[in-house]
Every structure is written in structure tokens, then in C-alpha cells.
C-alpha atoms as a PDB file:
ATOM      1  CA  UNK A   1      -5.615 -41.214  29.369  1.00  0.00           C
ATOM      2  CA  UNK A   2      -8.198 -38.623  28.141  1.00  0.00           C
ATOM      3  CA  UNK A   3      -7.062 -35.248  26.868  1.00  0.00           C
ATOM      4  CA  UNK A   4      -9.026 -32.203  27.816  1.00  0.00           C
ATOM      5  CA  UNK A   5      -9.309 -29.678  25.026  1.00  0.00           C
ATOM      6  CA  UNK A   6     -10.826 -26.258  24.904  1.00  0.00           C
ATOM      7  CA  UNK A   7     -12.857 -25.146  21.871  1.00  0.00           C
ATOM      8  CA  UNK A   8     -11.045 -22.732  19.527  1.00  0.00           C
ATOM      9  CA  UNK A   9     -13.814 -20.188  19.884  1.00  0.00           C
ATOM     10  CA  UNK A  10     -12.736 -19.440  23.478  1.00  0.00           C
ATOM     11  CA  UNK A  11      -9.378 -18.029  22.306  1.00  0.00           C
ATOM     12  CA  UNK A  12     -10.631 -16.556  19.037  1.00  0.00           C
ATOM     13  CA  UNK A  13     -11.657 -13.294  20.673  1.00  0.00           C
ATOM     14  CA  UNK A  14      -8.032 -12.781  21.867  1.00  0.00           C
ATOM     15  CA  UNK A  15      -6.833 -12.379  18.320  1.00  0.00           C
ATOM     16  CA  UNK A  16      -6.257  -8.829  17.153  1.00  0.00           C
ATOM     17  CA  UNK A  17      -6.647  -7.769  13.624  1.00  0.00           C
ATOM     18  CA  UNK A  18      -3.254  -7.135  11.916  1.00  0.00           C
ATOM     19  CA  UNK A  19      -1.982  -3.617  11.699  1.00  0.00           C
ATOM     20  CA  UNK A  20      -2.463  -1.866   8.373  1.00  0.00           C
ATOM     21  CA  UNK A  21      -0.096   0.489   6.606  1.00  0.00           C
ATOM     22  CA  UNK A  22      -0.856   3.134   4.010  1.00  0.00           C
ATOM     23  CA  UNK A  23       1.427   3.076   0.997  1.00  0.00           C
ATOM     24  CA  UNK A  24       2.201   6.701   0.352  1.00  0.00           C
ATOM     25  CA  UNK A  25       3.391   8.001  -3.088  1.00  0.00           C
ATOM     26  CA  UNK A  26       5.428  11.170  -3.068  1.00  0.00           C
ATOM     27  CA  UNK A  27       5.467  13.790  -5.823  1.00  0.00           C
ATOM     28  CA  UNK A  28       8.673  14.596  -7.719  1.00  0.00           C
ATOM     29  CA  UNK A  29       9.539  16.636 -10.732  1.00  0.00           C
ATOM     30  CA  UNK A  30      10.699  13.732 -12.906  1.00  0.00           C
ATOM     31  CA  UNK A  31       8.412  10.735 -12.626  1.00  0.00           C
ATOM     32  CA  UNK A  32       5.691  11.104 -15.317  1.00  0.00           C
ATOM     33  CA  UNK A  33       1.990  11.127 -14.443  1.00  0.00           C
ATOM     34  CA  UNK A  34       1.453   8.241 -16.957  1.00  0.00           C
ATOM     35  CA  UNK A  35       4.020   6.087 -15.078  1.00  0.00           C
ATOM     36  CA  UNK A  36       2.298   6.746 -11.728  1.00  0.00           C
ATOM     37  CA  UNK A  37      -1.068   5.843 -13.151  1.00  0.00           C
ATOM     38  CA  UNK A  38       0.477   2.728 -14.618  1.00  0.00           C
ATOM     39  CA  UNK A  39       1.910   1.694 -11.227  1.00  0.00           C
ATOM     40  CA  UNK A  40      -1.418   2.291  -9.573  1.00  0.00           C
ATOM     41  CA  UNK A  41      -3.253   0.136 -12.090  1.00  0.00           C
ATOM     42  CA  UNK A  42      -0.600  -2.637 -12.364  1.00  0.00           C
ATOM     43  CA  UNK A  43       0.548  -2.976  -8.754  1.00  0.00           C
ATOM     44  CA  UNK A  44      -2.256  -1.444  -6.703  1.00  0.00           C
ATOM     45  CA  UNK A  45      -5.093  -2.841  -8.877  1.00  0.00           C
ATOM     46  CA  UNK A  46      -6.855   0.483  -9.190  1.00  0.00           C
ATOM     47  CA  UNK A  47      -9.211   1.282 -12.010  1.00  0.00           C
ATOM     48  CA  UNK A  48      -8.074   3.930 -14.583  1.00  0.00           C
ATOM     49  CA  UNK A  49     -10.226   6.556 -12.914  1.00  0.00           C
ATOM     50  CA  UNK A  50      -9.101   5.703  -9.429  1.00  0.00           C
ATOM     51  CA  UNK A  51      -5.492   5.819 -10.520  1.00  0.00           C
ATOM     52  CA  UNK A  52      -5.932   9.114 -12.259  1.00  0.00           C
ATOM     53  CA  UNK A  53      -7.561  10.578  -9.171  1.00  0.00           C
ATOM     54  CA  UNK A  54      -4.740   9.316  -6.799  1.00  0.00           C
ATOM     55  CA  UNK A  55      -2.096  10.560  -9.226  1.00  0.00           C
ATOM     56  CA  UNK A  56      -3.737  14.102  -9.267  1.00  0.00           C
ATOM     57  CA  UNK A  57      -3.786  14.031  -5.460  1.00  0.00           C
ATOM     58  CA  UNK A  58      -0.099  13.200  -5.442  1.00  0.00           C
ATOM     59  CA  UNK A  59       0.543  15.995  -7.975  1.00  0.00           C
ATOM     60  CA  UNK A  60      -1.500  18.661  -6.232  1.00  0.00           C
ATOM     61  CA  UNK A  61      -0.869  17.743  -2.533  1.00  0.00           C
ATOM     62  CA  UNK A  62       2.654  16.405  -2.670  1.00  0.00           C
ATOM     63  CA  UNK A  63       1.677  12.944  -1.624  1.00  0.00           C
ATOM     64  CA  UNK A  64      -1.286  10.609  -1.423  1.00  0.00           C
ATOM     65  CA  UNK A  65      -2.113   7.044  -0.310  1.00  0.00           C
ATOM     66  CA  UNK A  66      -2.242   4.240  -2.895  1.00  0.00           C
ATOM     67  CA  UNK A  67      -4.004   1.941  -0.475  1.00  0.00           C
ATOM     68  CA  UNK A  68      -3.915   0.378   2.927  1.00  0.00           C
ATOM     69  CA  UNK A  69      -2.517  -3.116   3.395  1.00  0.00           C
ATOM     70  CA  UNK A  70      -0.967  -5.400   6.051  1.00  0.00           C
ATOM     71  CA  UNK A  71       2.718  -4.828   6.478  1.00  0.00           C
ATOM     72  CA  UNK A  72       3.945  -7.701   4.205  1.00  0.00           C
ATOM     73  CA  UNK A  73       1.626  -6.694   1.339  1.00  0.00           C
ATOM     74  CA  UNK A  74       2.440  -2.983   1.745  1.00  0.00           C
ATOM     75  CA  UNK A  75       6.174  -3.498   1.708  1.00  0.00           C
ATOM     76  CA  UNK A  76       5.924  -5.767  -1.318  1.00  0.00           C
ATOM     77  CA  UNK A  77       3.931  -3.207  -3.309  1.00  0.00           C
ATOM     78  CA  UNK A  78       6.408  -0.505  -2.260  1.00  0.00           C
ATOM     79  CA  UNK A  79       9.420  -2.487  -3.412  1.00  0.00           C
ATOM     80  CA  UNK A  80       7.698  -3.579  -6.644  1.00  0.00           C
ATOM     81  CA  UNK A  81       6.829  -0.005  -7.456  1.00  0.00           C
ATOM     82  CA  UNK A  82      10.324   1.288  -6.682  1.00  0.00           C
ATOM     83  CA  UNK A  83      11.924  -1.412  -8.844  1.00  0.00           C
ATOM     84  CA  UNK A  84       9.771  -0.582 -11.814  1.00  0.00           C
ATOM     85  CA  UNK A  85      10.554   3.117 -11.289  1.00  0.00           C
ATOM     86  CA  UNK A  86      14.214   2.429 -11.085  1.00  0.00           C
ATOM     87  CA  UNK A  87      14.159   0.401 -14.344  1.00  0.00           C
ATOM     88  CA  UNK A  88      12.715   3.513 -15.988  1.00  0.00           C
ATOM     89  CA  UNK A  89      15.164   5.802 -14.310  1.00  0.00           C
ATOM     90  CA  UNK A  90      12.370   7.542 -12.276  1.00  0.00           C
ATOM     91  CA  UNK A  91      13.049   8.699  -8.718  1.00  0.00           C
ATOM     92  CA  UNK A  92       9.527   7.677  -7.501  1.00  0.00           C
ATOM     93  CA  UNK A  93       9.567   7.531  -3.712  1.00  0.00           C
ATOM     94  CA  UNK A  94       7.090   5.548  -1.686  1.00  0.00           C
ATOM     95  CA  UNK A  95       6.707   5.300   2.088  1.00  0.00           C
ATOM     96  CA  UNK A  96       4.655   3.331   4.587  1.00  0.00           C
ATOM     97  CA  UNK A  97       2.646   4.954   7.328  1.00  0.00           C
ATOM     98  CA  UNK A  98       1.014   2.807  10.046  1.00  0.00           C
ATOM     99  CA  UNK A  99      -2.643   3.415  10.274  1.00  0.00           C
ATOM    100  CA  UNK A 100      -3.633   4.157  13.887  1.00  0.00           C
ATOM    101  CA  UNK A 101      -7.179   3.183  14.806  1.00  0.00           C
ATOM    102  CA  UNK A 102      -9.023   5.265  17.219  1.00  0.00           C
END
């Protein structure tokens, strides 16, 4: 009995790219700028200059995106950041926003 198979490439075009989510840092009056920069370098793998720029955007605008990731990566980075903030008694708040293409 012979099995009839279809090449993988026929179905490959049906695959959609995974949704991406922006991890948003929110400004508060207690979390230090140095801590935010440290989180951006340690967890979000930003350079010192990128981290400083994002931190200033958070400070001046009230919030800013740390990066865009698939859901699992975004939620992991959010949780890691909040855990480190909690250990230092900082009320740092992060949220996720789905990125809508189009």
C-alpha cells in the first residue's frame, strides 16, 4: 500500500506569523531611573544608550515600549521585571499591548 503525501511547502503559506505584543513600562514617582535602566539592560537586552532613551521616554511621556515580542516572551519579560521591582520595593508597572498590523 503506497501512501500519498503532499509536500510541506503547499501548506507553508497557510501559516500566519505569531502576534506580537509591546511590553509597556509605566512611569511612577518611586521607581528610580537607574533601576529602570538596569531592567532594560538586564531583561530587555538594550544597550546603555537605548535603555537611557527608553527610560527618558517613560519619564517624559508617562509610558514607553521596551520592545515587541511574541506573547510568551513578552509575558515572561513582564513577570521578570515585576519580580525584580518587587524585590526592591518598587511599584514598577508593566503592561502588554497587542501590536495590530495594518
